[in-house]
N, C-alpha and C. Protein backbone atom coordinates (compact mmCIF):
# COMPACT_ATOMS: atom_id res chain seq x y z
N MET A 1 15.01 38.19 93.78
CA MET A 1 16.09 39.03 93.27
C MET A 1 17.29 38.15 92.95
N LEU A 2 17.88 38.38 91.81
CA LEU A 2 19.03 37.59 91.42
C LEU A 2 20.25 37.96 92.25
N GLU A 3 21.09 36.97 92.49
CA GLU A 3 22.28 37.18 93.32
C GLU A 3 23.40 37.87 92.56
N LEU A 4 23.42 37.72 91.24
CA LEU A 4 24.48 38.31 90.44
C LEU A 4 24.24 39.81 90.30
N LYS A 5 25.23 40.58 90.65
CA LYS A 5 25.09 42.03 90.56
C LYS A 5 25.69 42.56 89.27
N VAL A 6 26.51 41.75 88.61
CA VAL A 6 27.15 42.16 87.36
C VAL A 6 26.39 41.49 86.22
N PRO A 7 25.86 42.26 85.27
CA PRO A 7 25.14 41.65 84.14
C PRO A 7 26.03 40.65 83.41
N PRO A 8 25.44 39.53 82.93
CA PRO A 8 26.24 38.48 82.29
C PRO A 8 27.12 38.96 81.14
N LEU A 9 26.66 39.90 80.35
CA LEU A 9 27.48 40.38 79.23
C LEU A 9 28.72 41.13 79.73
N ILE A 10 28.56 41.90 80.78
CA ILE A 10 29.72 42.59 81.37
C ILE A 10 30.65 41.57 82.02
N LEU A 11 30.07 40.58 82.69
CA LEU A 11 30.87 39.52 83.29
C LEU A 11 31.68 38.79 82.21
N PHE A 12 31.04 38.50 81.07
CA PHE A 12 31.75 37.87 79.96
C PHE A 12 32.94 38.72 79.53
N ASN A 13 32.73 40.02 79.41
CA ASN A 13 33.82 40.91 78.99
C ASN A 13 34.97 40.92 79.99
N ILE A 14 34.65 40.86 81.26
CA ILE A 14 35.70 40.83 82.29
C ILE A 14 36.51 39.54 82.16
N PHE A 15 35.82 38.41 82.02
CA PHE A 15 36.51 37.13 81.89
C PHE A 15 37.31 37.08 80.59
N ALA A 16 36.77 37.64 79.51
CA ALA A 16 37.48 37.67 78.23
C ALA A 16 38.76 38.51 78.36
N ALA A 17 38.69 39.60 79.10
CA ALA A 17 39.87 40.44 79.29
C ALA A 17 40.99 39.69 80.01
N VAL A 18 40.61 38.80 80.92
CA VAL A 18 41.61 37.99 81.62
C VAL A 18 42.39 37.12 80.63
N ILE A 19 41.71 36.68 79.57
CA ILE A 19 42.38 35.86 78.55
C ILE A 19 43.18 36.74 77.59
N ILE A 20 42.63 37.86 77.20
CA ILE A 20 43.23 38.69 76.16
C ILE A 20 44.43 39.49 76.66
N LEU A 21 44.35 40.04 77.86
CA LEU A 21 45.39 40.96 78.32
C LEU A 21 46.80 40.37 78.33
N PRO A 22 46.99 39.10 78.73
CA PRO A 22 48.37 38.58 78.69
C PRO A 22 48.81 38.06 77.33
N ALA A 23 47.97 38.21 76.31
CA ALA A 23 48.28 37.65 74.98
C ALA A 23 49.31 38.49 74.26
N ASP A 24 50.02 37.83 73.36
CA ASP A 24 50.97 38.51 72.48
C ASP A 24 50.22 39.07 71.29
N PHE A 25 50.53 40.30 70.92
CA PHE A 25 49.87 40.91 69.76
C PHE A 25 50.91 41.37 68.77
N PRO A 26 50.65 41.44 67.52
CA PRO A 26 49.36 41.13 66.92
C PRO A 26 49.11 39.62 66.86
N ILE A 27 47.84 39.25 66.74
CA ILE A 27 47.48 37.84 66.65
C ILE A 27 47.97 37.31 65.31
N ARG A 28 48.64 36.20 65.34
CA ARG A 28 49.16 35.60 64.12
C ARG A 28 48.13 34.68 63.51
N LEU A 29 47.86 34.86 62.23
CA LEU A 29 46.87 34.04 61.54
C LEU A 29 47.35 32.61 61.35
N ASP A 30 48.66 32.38 61.47
CA ASP A 30 49.18 31.02 61.33
C ASP A 30 49.26 30.30 62.68
N ASN A 31 48.75 30.92 63.71
CA ASN A 31 48.64 30.30 65.02
C ASN A 31 47.86 29.00 64.83
N GLU A 32 48.39 27.90 65.39
CA GLU A 32 47.78 26.58 65.20
C GLU A 32 46.31 26.54 65.60
N GLY A 33 45.94 27.29 66.58
CA GLY A 33 44.57 27.25 67.06
C GLY A 33 43.66 28.31 66.48
N PHE A 34 44.20 29.13 65.57
CA PHE A 34 43.42 30.26 65.05
C PHE A 34 42.10 29.81 64.42
N LEU A 35 42.17 28.80 63.57
CA LEU A 35 40.94 28.33 62.90
C LEU A 35 39.96 27.72 63.89
N VAL A 36 40.46 27.01 64.89
CA VAL A 36 39.59 26.47 65.94
C VAL A 36 38.92 27.62 66.69
N GLY A 37 39.69 28.65 66.98
CA GLY A 37 39.14 29.82 67.67
C GLY A 37 38.05 30.50 66.85
N VAL A 38 38.30 30.68 65.57
CA VAL A 38 37.30 31.29 64.69
C VAL A 38 36.04 30.44 64.67
N LEU A 39 36.22 29.12 64.57
CA LEU A 39 35.07 28.21 64.53
C LEU A 39 34.27 28.28 65.83
N LEU A 40 34.95 28.25 66.97
CA LEU A 40 34.26 28.32 68.27
C LEU A 40 33.50 29.64 68.43
N VAL A 41 34.13 30.74 68.06
CA VAL A 41 33.45 32.04 68.17
C VAL A 41 32.27 32.10 67.21
N ALA A 42 32.41 31.55 66.00
CA ALA A 42 31.30 31.54 65.05
C ALA A 42 30.14 30.69 65.57
N ILE A 43 30.44 29.53 66.14
CA ILE A 43 29.40 28.68 66.72
C ILE A 43 28.72 29.41 67.87
N ALA A 44 29.51 30.06 68.72
CA ALA A 44 28.96 30.82 69.84
C ALA A 44 28.01 31.91 69.36
N MET A 45 28.43 32.62 68.33
CA MET A 45 27.58 33.69 67.78
C MET A 45 26.29 33.13 67.20
N ALA A 46 26.38 32.00 66.52
CA ALA A 46 25.18 31.38 65.94
C ALA A 46 24.22 30.92 67.02
N ILE A 47 24.74 30.33 68.08
CA ILE A 47 23.89 29.89 69.21
C ILE A 47 23.23 31.10 69.86
N ALA A 48 24.00 32.14 70.13
CA ALA A 48 23.45 33.34 70.78
C ALA A 48 22.38 34.00 69.92
N LEU A 49 22.64 34.11 68.63
CA LEU A 49 21.66 34.71 67.72
C LEU A 49 20.40 33.86 67.64
N SER A 50 20.56 32.56 67.52
CA SER A 50 19.42 31.66 67.47
C SER A 50 18.57 31.77 68.74
N ALA A 51 19.22 31.76 69.89
CA ALA A 51 18.50 31.84 71.16
C ALA A 51 17.78 33.18 71.30
N THR A 52 18.45 34.25 70.92
CA THR A 52 17.83 35.58 70.99
C THR A 52 16.61 35.66 70.08
N MET A 53 16.74 35.14 68.87
CA MET A 53 15.60 35.17 67.93
C MET A 53 14.45 34.30 68.43
N THR A 54 14.75 33.19 69.08
CA THR A 54 13.71 32.34 69.65
C THR A 54 12.96 33.09 70.74
N PHE A 55 13.67 33.81 71.59
CA PHE A 55 13.03 34.64 72.62
C PHE A 55 12.16 35.72 71.98
N LYS A 56 12.68 36.37 70.94
CA LYS A 56 11.93 37.44 70.28
C LYS A 56 10.65 36.89 69.66
N ARG A 57 10.74 35.73 69.00
CA ARG A 57 9.54 35.12 68.40
C ARG A 57 8.50 34.77 69.47
N ALA A 58 8.97 34.38 70.64
CA ALA A 58 8.06 34.04 71.74
C ALA A 58 7.56 35.29 72.47
N LYS A 59 8.06 36.46 72.05
CA LYS A 59 7.68 37.75 72.65
C LYS A 59 7.93 37.77 74.16
N THR A 60 9.09 37.27 74.53
CA THR A 60 9.51 37.32 75.92
C THR A 60 10.88 38.00 75.99
N THR A 61 11.30 38.35 77.16
CA THR A 61 12.50 39.17 77.32
C THR A 61 13.79 38.35 77.33
N VAL A 62 14.84 38.94 76.79
CA VAL A 62 16.17 38.34 76.89
C VAL A 62 16.95 38.95 78.05
N ASN A 63 16.38 39.95 78.69
CA ASN A 63 17.02 40.65 79.80
C ASN A 63 16.98 39.76 81.05
N PRO A 64 18.14 39.34 81.58
CA PRO A 64 18.15 38.45 82.74
C PRO A 64 17.70 39.12 84.04
N TYR A 65 17.39 40.41 83.99
CA TYR A 65 16.93 41.12 85.19
C TYR A 65 15.49 41.59 85.06
N SER A 66 14.83 41.24 84.00
CA SER A 66 13.47 41.73 83.74
C SER A 66 12.47 40.59 83.77
N PHE A 67 12.28 39.99 84.93
CA PHE A 67 11.37 38.86 85.04
C PHE A 67 9.90 39.29 85.00
N ASP A 68 9.64 40.58 85.09
CA ASP A 68 8.26 41.05 84.96
C ASP A 68 7.73 40.78 83.57
N ASN A 69 8.62 40.73 82.57
CA ASN A 69 8.21 40.53 81.19
C ASN A 69 8.31 39.09 80.72
N VAL A 70 8.62 38.15 81.62
CA VAL A 70 8.68 36.74 81.24
C VAL A 70 7.26 36.21 81.21
N ASN A 71 6.81 35.85 80.00
CA ASN A 71 5.44 35.39 79.86
C ASN A 71 5.33 34.01 79.23
N THR A 72 6.46 33.46 78.79
CA THR A 72 6.46 32.18 78.10
C THR A 72 7.70 31.39 78.50
N LEU A 73 7.51 30.11 78.71
CA LEU A 73 8.65 29.22 78.91
C LEU A 73 9.12 28.78 77.54
N VAL A 74 10.29 29.23 77.14
CA VAL A 74 10.82 28.93 75.82
C VAL A 74 11.59 27.61 75.89
N THR A 75 11.13 26.63 75.09
CA THR A 75 11.76 25.31 75.10
C THR A 75 12.14 24.85 73.70
N SER A 76 11.96 25.68 72.71
CA SER A 76 12.24 25.29 71.33
C SER A 76 13.59 25.85 70.89
N GLY A 77 13.98 25.49 69.67
CA GLY A 77 15.24 25.97 69.12
C GLY A 77 16.41 25.52 69.98
N ALA A 78 17.35 26.42 70.22
CA ALA A 78 18.53 26.10 71.02
C ALA A 78 18.15 25.69 72.44
N PHE A 79 16.99 26.14 72.91
CA PHE A 79 16.54 25.81 74.26
C PHE A 79 16.07 24.36 74.38
N GLY A 80 15.97 23.67 73.25
CA GLY A 80 15.68 22.25 73.27
C GLY A 80 16.92 21.41 73.55
N TYR A 81 18.11 22.04 73.50
CA TYR A 81 19.38 21.35 73.72
C TYR A 81 20.09 21.83 74.98
N SER A 82 19.83 23.07 75.36
CA SER A 82 20.47 23.66 76.53
C SER A 82 19.47 24.62 77.17
N ARG A 83 19.35 24.56 78.49
CA ARG A 83 18.46 25.51 79.16
C ARG A 83 19.07 26.91 79.19
N ASN A 84 20.35 27.01 78.88
CA ASN A 84 21.06 28.30 78.93
C ASN A 84 21.93 28.50 77.71
N PRO A 85 21.34 28.49 76.51
CA PRO A 85 22.19 28.58 75.32
C PRO A 85 22.95 29.89 75.19
N MET A 86 22.41 30.98 75.71
CA MET A 86 23.14 32.25 75.61
C MET A 86 24.38 32.23 76.49
N TYR A 87 24.27 31.65 77.66
CA TYR A 87 25.42 31.53 78.55
C TYR A 87 26.41 30.50 78.00
N LEU A 88 25.88 29.43 77.41
CA LEU A 88 26.73 28.45 76.75
C LEU A 88 27.54 29.12 75.63
N ALA A 89 26.88 29.98 74.88
CA ALA A 89 27.56 30.70 73.79
C ALA A 89 28.69 31.55 74.35
N MET A 90 28.47 32.19 75.48
CA MET A 90 29.52 33.01 76.09
C MET A 90 30.71 32.14 76.50
N ALA A 91 30.44 30.97 77.08
CA ALA A 91 31.52 30.08 77.49
C ALA A 91 32.31 29.58 76.27
N LEU A 92 31.60 29.23 75.20
CA LEU A 92 32.28 28.80 73.97
C LEU A 92 33.11 29.94 73.38
N ALA A 93 32.59 31.14 73.43
CA ALA A 93 33.32 32.30 72.92
C ALA A 93 34.60 32.52 73.72
N LEU A 94 34.54 32.32 75.04
CA LEU A 94 35.76 32.45 75.85
C LEU A 94 36.81 31.43 75.41
N LEU A 95 36.38 30.20 75.15
CA LEU A 95 37.32 29.19 74.66
C LEU A 95 37.88 29.60 73.30
N GLY A 96 36.99 30.09 72.43
CA GLY A 96 37.43 30.53 71.11
C GLY A 96 38.44 31.66 71.18
N ILE A 97 38.21 32.59 72.07
CA ILE A 97 39.15 33.70 72.25
C ILE A 97 40.51 33.17 72.68
N GLY A 98 40.49 32.17 73.56
CA GLY A 98 41.75 31.57 74.00
C GLY A 98 42.53 30.96 72.85
N PHE A 99 41.82 30.27 71.95
CA PHE A 99 42.49 29.71 70.77
C PHE A 99 43.00 30.82 69.86
N LEU A 100 42.21 31.86 69.70
CA LEU A 100 42.61 32.96 68.81
C LEU A 100 43.89 33.65 69.27
N VAL A 101 44.02 33.83 70.57
CA VAL A 101 45.18 34.56 71.09
C VAL A 101 46.29 33.64 71.59
N GLY A 102 46.10 32.33 71.42
CA GLY A 102 47.14 31.39 71.82
C GLY A 102 47.26 31.17 73.31
N LYS A 103 46.15 31.32 74.02
CA LYS A 103 46.15 31.12 75.48
C LYS A 103 45.07 30.09 75.85
N VAL A 104 45.20 28.89 75.28
CA VAL A 104 44.16 27.87 75.41
C VAL A 104 43.99 27.39 76.85
N VAL A 105 45.08 27.07 77.52
CA VAL A 105 44.99 26.58 78.89
C VAL A 105 44.35 27.64 79.79
N LEU A 106 44.79 28.87 79.64
CA LEU A 106 44.21 29.97 80.41
C LEU A 106 42.71 30.09 80.10
N ALA A 107 42.35 29.99 78.83
CA ALA A 107 40.95 30.11 78.43
C ALA A 107 40.09 29.00 79.03
N VAL A 108 40.62 27.78 79.08
CA VAL A 108 39.87 26.67 79.68
C VAL A 108 39.62 26.96 81.16
N LEU A 109 40.65 27.42 81.85
CA LEU A 109 40.49 27.75 83.28
C LEU A 109 39.51 28.91 83.48
N VAL A 110 39.63 29.92 82.65
CA VAL A 110 38.75 31.08 82.75
C VAL A 110 37.31 30.68 82.44
N ALA A 111 37.12 29.87 81.39
CA ALA A 111 35.77 29.43 81.02
C ALA A 111 35.15 28.59 82.15
N MET A 112 35.96 27.74 82.78
CA MET A 112 35.46 26.95 83.91
C MET A 112 35.03 27.86 85.07
N GLY A 113 35.83 28.88 85.33
CA GLY A 113 35.47 29.85 86.36
C GLY A 113 34.20 30.61 86.00
N PHE A 114 34.08 31.00 84.74
CA PHE A 114 32.89 31.70 84.25
C PHE A 114 31.65 30.84 84.44
N VAL A 115 31.74 29.58 84.03
CA VAL A 115 30.60 28.67 84.14
C VAL A 115 30.22 28.47 85.61
N SER A 116 31.20 28.27 86.47
CA SER A 116 30.92 28.08 87.90
C SER A 116 30.28 29.31 88.52
N TYR A 117 30.88 30.46 88.25
CA TYR A 117 30.37 31.71 88.82
C TYR A 117 28.96 32.00 88.32
N LEU A 118 28.76 31.88 87.01
CA LEU A 118 27.46 32.18 86.42
C LEU A 118 26.40 31.20 86.91
N THR A 119 26.76 29.94 87.05
CA THR A 119 25.80 28.95 87.55
C THR A 119 25.33 29.32 88.94
N LYS A 120 26.26 29.65 89.81
CA LYS A 120 25.90 29.94 91.20
C LYS A 120 25.12 31.25 91.34
N PHE A 121 25.58 32.30 90.69
CA PHE A 121 25.02 33.62 90.95
C PHE A 121 23.96 34.08 89.94
N GLN A 122 23.82 33.40 88.81
CA GLN A 122 22.83 33.81 87.82
C GLN A 122 21.84 32.69 87.51
N ILE A 123 22.36 31.54 87.14
CA ILE A 123 21.49 30.47 86.65
C ILE A 123 20.63 29.88 87.76
N LEU A 124 21.22 29.54 88.90
CA LEU A 124 20.41 28.95 89.98
C LEU A 124 19.30 29.90 90.45
N PRO A 125 19.59 31.20 90.64
CA PRO A 125 18.49 32.11 90.98
C PRO A 125 17.44 32.21 89.87
N GLU A 126 17.88 32.21 88.59
CA GLU A 126 16.91 32.23 87.49
C GLU A 126 16.03 31.00 87.52
N GLU A 127 16.65 29.85 87.80
CA GLU A 127 15.88 28.60 87.84
C GLU A 127 14.83 28.64 88.95
N ARG A 128 15.17 29.20 90.08
CA ARG A 128 14.19 29.32 91.16
C ARG A 128 13.01 30.20 90.73
N LEU A 129 13.33 31.31 90.06
CA LEU A 129 12.27 32.20 89.59
C LEU A 129 11.40 31.53 88.53
N LEU A 130 12.02 30.83 87.60
CA LEU A 130 11.26 30.15 86.55
C LEU A 130 10.41 29.03 87.12
N ALA A 131 10.92 28.32 88.12
CA ALA A 131 10.14 27.27 88.77
C ALA A 131 8.92 27.88 89.45
N GLY A 132 9.09 29.05 90.04
CA GLY A 132 7.96 29.74 90.66
C GLY A 132 6.94 30.21 89.65
N LEU A 133 7.40 30.65 88.48
CA LEU A 133 6.50 31.14 87.45
C LEU A 133 5.79 30.03 86.69
N PHE A 134 6.51 28.94 86.38
CA PHE A 134 5.97 27.92 85.47
C PHE A 134 5.75 26.55 86.12
N GLY A 135 6.13 26.40 87.39
CA GLY A 135 5.83 25.19 88.15
C GLY A 135 6.23 23.89 87.48
N SER A 136 5.26 22.96 87.38
CA SER A 136 5.55 21.62 86.88
C SER A 136 6.01 21.63 85.42
N GLU A 137 5.55 22.58 84.64
CA GLU A 137 6.00 22.68 83.25
C GLU A 137 7.52 22.91 83.20
N TYR A 138 8.01 23.77 84.08
CA TYR A 138 9.44 24.05 84.13
C TYR A 138 10.22 22.84 84.66
N HIS A 139 9.68 22.19 85.70
CA HIS A 139 10.36 21.01 86.25
C HIS A 139 10.47 19.90 85.21
N GLN A 140 9.44 19.71 84.41
CA GLN A 140 9.47 18.70 83.35
C GLN A 140 10.53 19.08 82.30
N TYR A 141 10.58 20.36 81.95
CA TYR A 141 11.58 20.85 81.00
C TYR A 141 12.99 20.57 81.53
N CYS A 142 13.21 20.82 82.82
CA CYS A 142 14.53 20.59 83.43
C CYS A 142 14.92 19.11 83.38
N GLN A 143 13.96 18.23 83.44
CA GLN A 143 14.25 16.79 83.37
C GLN A 143 14.61 16.37 81.94
N GLN A 144 14.12 17.13 80.96
CA GLN A 144 14.34 16.76 79.56
C GLN A 144 15.57 17.43 78.95
N VAL A 145 15.95 18.61 79.45
CA VAL A 145 17.03 19.38 78.85
C VAL A 145 18.05 19.73 79.93
N ARG A 146 19.31 19.50 79.62
CA ARG A 146 20.38 19.79 80.58
C ARG A 146 20.59 21.30 80.73
N ARG A 147 21.20 21.65 81.85
CA ARG A 147 21.46 23.05 82.15
C ARG A 147 22.40 23.68 81.11
N TRP A 148 23.47 22.99 80.75
CA TRP A 148 24.45 23.54 79.83
C TRP A 148 24.37 22.87 78.46
N VAL A 149 24.65 21.58 78.38
CA VAL A 149 24.53 20.82 77.11
C VAL A 149 24.14 19.40 77.39
């Protein structure tokens, strides 16, 4: 059983709210970091979409709580660069949101907290489950591909 009780997408929204709520509105398009924020969010969306499509092609689940339907160890596409590209996309999106709303330092701190929390309560338990399901194949994958990037 996974230790995280809050689904990662809801957790992302909570962390994003911490960045957005103290921001000044409306967001100014001439904000120095606006284009960086747009770029980071666009990259995050591309990574998340790519990873989701890779899971769909492999006919395995993207649901982090549905290990009954995990039938394939996905190592291609974005998973060839990061063992957790969907979570990486969420962290990049948090940074992008910080640039968009002009709260970069806060976003860096929040993203670091998100990564730490998610690693401890979601990723490490997932890794234990995947090691149990795929054994040496998973251990070899872990040696070849980093957890985040």
